């Protein structure tokens, strides 16, 4: 088992003042990491990974997922739509070139009337306009 430490840094000097910040998180018990770079053609919605009760090709055990990062590494200004789906609902996020989206739990929650959330089942992306590239990093116990 290993310990994963994640760090986020914002470095900014505004009007001569250092207004940067940093956050660090430690996750114990990591046994597996999957790190992948991939290209996704334009005009497609592509599943980049799934979560479920049993492991499989591109599928991670829901209860063992402790950290996920998806980064838009496209060299040009091509935003990607990240689609996070449960068995009943989906949420979409637009990720600009060079930006990341992080997941720290398999749970989707909310309090909207008539909407029922549960565990994440799949994460998909859809490039906006032209092909895109991305990196994902998944740490599990």
C-alpha atoms as a PDB file:
ATOM      1  CA  UNK A   1       0.000   0.000   0.000  1.00  0.00           C
ATOM      2  CA  UNK A   2       1.070   3.543  -0.697  1.00  0.00           C
ATOM      3  CA  UNK A   3       0.077   7.062   0.262  1.00  0.00           C
ATOM      4  CA  UNK A   4      -1.007   9.506  -2.432  1.00  0.00           C
ATOM      5  CA  UNK A   5      -0.549  13.199  -1.739  1.00  0.00           C
ATOM      6  CA  UNK A   6      -2.317  15.659  -4.010  1.00  0.00           C
ATOM      7  CA  UNK A   7      -1.452  19.343  -4.077  1.00  0.00           C
ATOM      8  CA  UNK A   8      -3.143  22.297  -5.726  1.00  0.00           C
ATOM      9  CA  UNK A   9      -1.281  25.591  -6.038  1.00  0.00           C
ATOM     10  CA  UNK A  10      -2.598  28.970  -7.149  1.00  0.00           C
ATOM     11  CA  UNK A  11       0.272  31.360  -7.742  1.00  0.00           C
ATOM     12  CA  UNK A  12      -0.813  34.968  -8.161  1.00  0.00           C
ATOM     13  CA  UNK A  13       0.562  38.394  -7.350  1.00  0.00           C
ATOM     14  CA  UNK A  14      -2.172  41.000  -7.567  1.00  0.00           C
ATOM     15  CA  UNK A  15      -1.356  44.688  -7.113  1.00  0.00           C
ATOM     16  CA  UNK A  16       1.981  43.686  -5.612  1.00  0.00           C
ATOM     17  CA  UNK A  17       0.416  41.330  -3.031  1.00  0.00           C
ATOM     18  CA  UNK A  18       0.907  37.559  -2.950  1.00  0.00           C
ATOM     19  CA  UNK A  19      -2.652  36.217  -3.040  1.00  0.00           C
ATOM     20  CA  UNK A  20      -1.743  32.649  -3.972  1.00  0.00           C
ATOM     21  CA  UNK A  21      -2.942  29.618  -2.116  1.00  0.00           C
ATOM     22  CA  UNK A  22      -2.236  25.913  -1.759  1.00  0.00           C
ATOM     23  CA  UNK A  23      -4.164  22.878  -0.596  1.00  0.00           C
ATOM     24  CA  UNK A  24      -2.741  19.430   0.145  1.00  0.00           C
ATOM     25  CA  UNK A  25      -4.591  16.158   0.705  1.00  0.00           C
ATOM     26  CA  UNK A  26      -3.246  12.755   1.745  1.00  0.00           C
ATOM     27  CA  UNK A  27      -4.980   9.507   0.761  1.00  0.00           C
ATOM     28  CA  UNK A  28      -3.744   6.327   2.448  1.00  0.00           C
ATOM     29  CA  UNK A  29      -4.043   2.738   1.265  1.00  0.00           C
ATOM     30  CA  UNK A  30      -3.579   3.258  -2.478  1.00  0.00           C
ATOM     31  CA  UNK A  31      -2.844  -0.039  -4.235  1.00  0.00           C
ATOM     32  CA  UNK A  32      -3.361   0.809  -7.900  1.00  0.00           C
ATOM     33  CA  UNK A  33      -3.023   3.777 -10.247  1.00  0.00           C
ATOM     34  CA  UNK A  34      -4.231   4.003 -13.823  1.00  0.00           C
ATOM     35  CA  UNK A  35      -2.778   6.923 -15.784  1.00  0.00           C
ATOM     36  CA  UNK A  36      -3.754   7.292 -19.443  1.00  0.00           C
ATOM     37  CA  UNK A  37      -3.475   9.828 -22.226  1.00  0.00           C
ATOM     38  CA  UNK A  38      -6.039   9.556 -25.003  1.00  0.00           C
ATOM     39  CA  UNK A  39      -7.306  11.292 -28.121  1.00  0.00           C
ATOM     40  CA  UNK A  40     -11.023  11.658 -28.732  1.00  0.00           C
ATOM     41  CA  UNK A  41     -12.337  12.467 -32.212  1.00  0.00           C
ATOM     42  CA  UNK A  42     -14.711  15.353 -32.776  1.00  0.00           C
ATOM     43  CA  UNK A  43     -18.401  14.620 -33.042  1.00  0.00           C
ATOM     44  CA  UNK A  44     -18.246  11.720 -30.592  1.00  0.00           C
ATOM     45  CA  UNK A  45     -19.153  10.969 -27.004  1.00  0.00           C
ATOM     46  CA  UNK A  46     -16.543   8.581 -25.615  1.00  0.00           C
ATOM     47  CA  UNK A  47     -16.626   6.681 -22.326  1.00  0.00           C
ATOM     48  CA  UNK A  48     -13.221   7.152 -20.709  1.00  0.00           C
ATOM     49  CA  UNK A  49     -13.903   4.890 -17.706  1.00  0.00           C
ATOM     50  CA  UNK A  50     -16.704   3.264 -15.731  1.00  0.00           C
ATOM     51  CA  UNK A  51     -17.349   2.303 -12.117  1.00  0.00           C
ATOM     52  CA  UNK A  52     -19.168  -0.801 -10.960  1.00  0.00           C
ATOM     53  CA  UNK A  53     -19.312  -3.659  -8.466  1.00  0.00           C
ATOM     54  CA  UNK A  54     -16.694  -5.716 -10.335  1.00  0.00           C
ATOM     55  CA  UNK A  55     -13.445  -4.743 -12.065  1.00  0.00           C
ATOM     56  CA  UNK A  56     -13.152  -5.085 -15.828  1.00  0.00           C
ATOM     57  CA  UNK A  57     -11.661  -3.456 -18.887  1.00  0.00           C
ATOM     58  CA  UNK A  58     -11.954   0.275 -18.200  1.00  0.00           C
ATOM     59  CA  UNK A  59     -14.111  -0.380 -15.122  1.00  0.00           C
ATOM     60  CA  UNK A  60     -13.021   0.365 -11.569  1.00  0.00           C
ATOM     61  CA  UNK A  61     -14.670  -0.984  -8.407  1.00  0.00           C
ATOM     62  CA  UNK A  62     -16.899   1.781  -7.089  1.00  0.00           C
ATOM     63  CA  UNK A  63     -15.923   1.391  -3.428  1.00  0.00           C
ATOM     64  CA  UNK A  64     -12.178   1.437  -4.175  1.00  0.00           C
ATOM     65  CA  UNK A  65     -12.021   4.686  -6.187  1.00  0.00           C
ATOM     66  CA  UNK A  66     -10.388   7.353  -3.998  1.00  0.00           C
ATOM     67  CA  UNK A  67      -9.137   9.976  -6.477  1.00  0.00           C
ATOM     68  CA  UNK A  68      -9.766  10.837 -10.123  1.00  0.00           C
ATOM     69  CA  UNK A  69      -8.357  13.687 -12.197  1.00  0.00           C
ATOM     70  CA  UNK A  70      -9.338  14.376 -15.803  1.00  0.00           C
ATOM     71  CA  UNK A  71      -7.258  17.070 -17.564  1.00  0.00           C
ATOM     72  CA  UNK A  72      -7.930  18.611 -20.957  1.00  0.00           C
ATOM     73  CA  UNK A  73      -4.474  18.480 -22.586  1.00  0.00           C
ATOM     74  CA  UNK A  74      -5.578  19.658 -26.032  1.00  0.00           C
ATOM     75  CA  UNK A  75      -2.951  22.016 -27.505  1.00  0.00           C
ATOM     76  CA  UNK A  76      -5.490  24.412 -28.998  1.00  0.00           C
ATOM     77  CA  UNK A  77      -8.524  26.056 -27.445  1.00  0.00           C
ATOM     78  CA  UNK A  78     -10.880  23.048 -27.558  1.00  0.00           C
ATOM     79  CA  UNK A  79     -13.101  22.724 -24.504  1.00  0.00           C
ATOM     80  CA  UNK A  80     -14.400  19.253 -23.672  1.00  0.00           C
ATOM     81  CA  UNK A  81     -17.721  18.403 -22.086  1.00  0.00           C
ATOM     82  CA  UNK A  82     -17.256  15.943 -19.217  1.00  0.00           C
ATOM     83  CA  UNK A  83     -20.393  13.874 -18.584  1.00  0.00           C
ATOM     84  CA  UNK A  84     -20.634  12.164 -15.180  1.00  0.00           C
ATOM     85  CA  UNK A  85     -23.531   9.670 -15.095  1.00  0.00           C
ATOM     86  CA  UNK A  86     -25.239   7.586 -12.434  1.00  0.00           C
ATOM     87  CA  UNK A  87     -27.887   4.965 -13.194  1.00  0.00           C
ATOM     88  CA  UNK A  88     -30.601   7.632 -13.235  1.00  0.00           C
ATOM     89  CA  UNK A  89     -29.017  11.042 -13.799  1.00  0.00           C
ATOM     90  CA  UNK A  90     -26.119  12.805 -15.523  1.00  0.00           C
ATOM     91  CA  UNK A  91     -24.254  16.050 -14.926  1.00  0.00           C
ATOM     92  CA  UNK A  92     -22.076  17.843 -17.471  1.00  0.00           C
ATOM     93  CA  UNK A  93     -19.072  20.103 -16.943  1.00  0.00           C
ATOM     94  CA  UNK A  94     -17.141  22.094 -19.536  1.00  0.00           C
ATOM     95  CA  UNK A  95     -13.368  21.759 -19.105  1.00  0.00           C
ATOM     96  CA  UNK A  96     -11.229  24.394 -20.841  1.00  0.00           C
ATOM     97  CA  UNK A  97      -7.863  23.540 -22.398  1.00  0.00           C
ATOM     98  CA  UNK A  98      -5.287  23.101 -19.623  1.00  0.00           C
ATOM     99  CA  UNK A  99      -7.924  22.722 -16.906  1.00  0.00           C
ATOM    100  CA  UNK A 100      -8.797  19.702 -14.767  1.00  0.00           C
ATOM    101  CA  UNK A 101     -11.803  18.154 -13.066  1.00  0.00           C
ATOM    102  CA  UNK A 102     -11.301  16.070  -9.908  1.00  0.00           C
ATOM    103  CA  UNK A 103     -13.488  13.429  -8.279  1.00  0.00           C
ATOM    104  CA  UNK A 104     -12.855  12.307  -4.702  1.00  0.00           C
ATOM    105  CA  UNK A 105     -15.816   9.964  -4.198  1.00  0.00           C
ATOM    106  CA  UNK A 106     -18.036   7.705  -6.274  1.00  0.00           C
ATOM    107  CA  UNK A 107     -21.184   9.387  -4.948  1.00  0.00           C
ATOM    108  CA  UNK A 108     -23.384  11.816  -6.848  1.00  0.00           C
ATOM    109  CA  UNK A 109     -25.618  13.730  -4.469  1.00  0.00           C
ATOM    110  CA  UNK A 110     -28.146  16.492  -4.726  1.00  0.00           C
ATOM    111  CA  UNK A 111     -31.433  17.816  -3.442  1.00  0.00           C
ATOM    112  CA  UNK A 112     -33.426  18.644  -6.541  1.00  0.00           C
ATOM    113  CA  UNK A 113     -37.107  17.708  -6.468  1.00  0.00           C
ATOM    114  CA  UNK A 114     -37.818  14.578  -8.482  1.00  0.00           C
ATOM    115  CA  UNK A 115     -34.144  13.768  -9.087  1.00  0.00           C
ATOM    116  CA  UNK A 116     -32.516  10.699  -7.575  1.00  0.00           C
ATOM    117  CA  UNK A 117     -28.727  10.419  -7.438  1.00  0.00           C
ATOM    118  CA  UNK A 118     -26.581   7.372  -6.692  1.00  0.00           C
ATOM    119  CA  UNK A 119     -23.073   6.053  -7.462  1.00  0.00           C
ATOM    120  CA  UNK A 120     -21.234   7.261 -10.549  1.00  0.00           C
ATOM    121  CA  UNK A 121     -21.426   4.621 -13.271  1.00  0.00           C
ATOM    122  CA  UNK A 122     -19.559   6.249 -16.143  1.00  0.00           C
ATOM    123  CA  UNK A 123     -17.471   9.243 -17.115  1.00  0.00           C
ATOM    124  CA  UNK A 124     -17.597  10.318 -20.761  1.00  0.00           C
ATOM    125  CA  UNK A 125     -16.237  13.207 -22.772  1.00  0.00           C
ATOM    126  CA  UNK A 126     -17.384  15.064 -25.856  1.00  0.00           C
ATOM    127  CA  UNK A 127     -14.957  17.444 -27.603  1.00  0.00           C
ATOM    128  CA  UNK A 128     -16.338  20.797 -28.696  1.00  0.00           C
ATOM    129  CA  UNK A 129     -15.691  21.500 -32.369  1.00  0.00           C
ATOM    130  CA  UNK A 130     -12.590  19.414 -33.097  1.00  0.00           C
ATOM    131  CA  UNK A 131     -10.652  16.436 -31.742  1.00  0.00           C
ATOM    132  CA  UNK A 132      -9.347  16.711 -28.183  1.00  0.00           C
ATOM    133  CA  UNK A 133      -6.730  15.040 -26.010  1.00  0.00           C
ATOM    134  CA  UNK A 134      -6.969  14.326 -22.326  1.00  0.00           C
ATOM    135  CA  UNK A 135      -5.173  12.668 -19.451  1.00  0.00           C
ATOM    136  CA  UNK A 136      -6.833  10.789 -16.647  1.00  0.00           C
ATOM    137  CA  UNK A 137      -5.313   9.646 -13.374  1.00  0.00           C
ATOM    138  CA  UNK A 138      -7.251   7.235 -11.158  1.00  0.00           C
ATOM    139  CA  UNK A 139      -6.050   6.008  -7.744  1.00  0.00           C
ATOM    140  CA  UNK A 140      -7.814   3.076  -6.042  1.00  0.00           C
ATOM    141  CA  UNK A 141      -7.428   0.981  -2.908  1.00  0.00           C
END
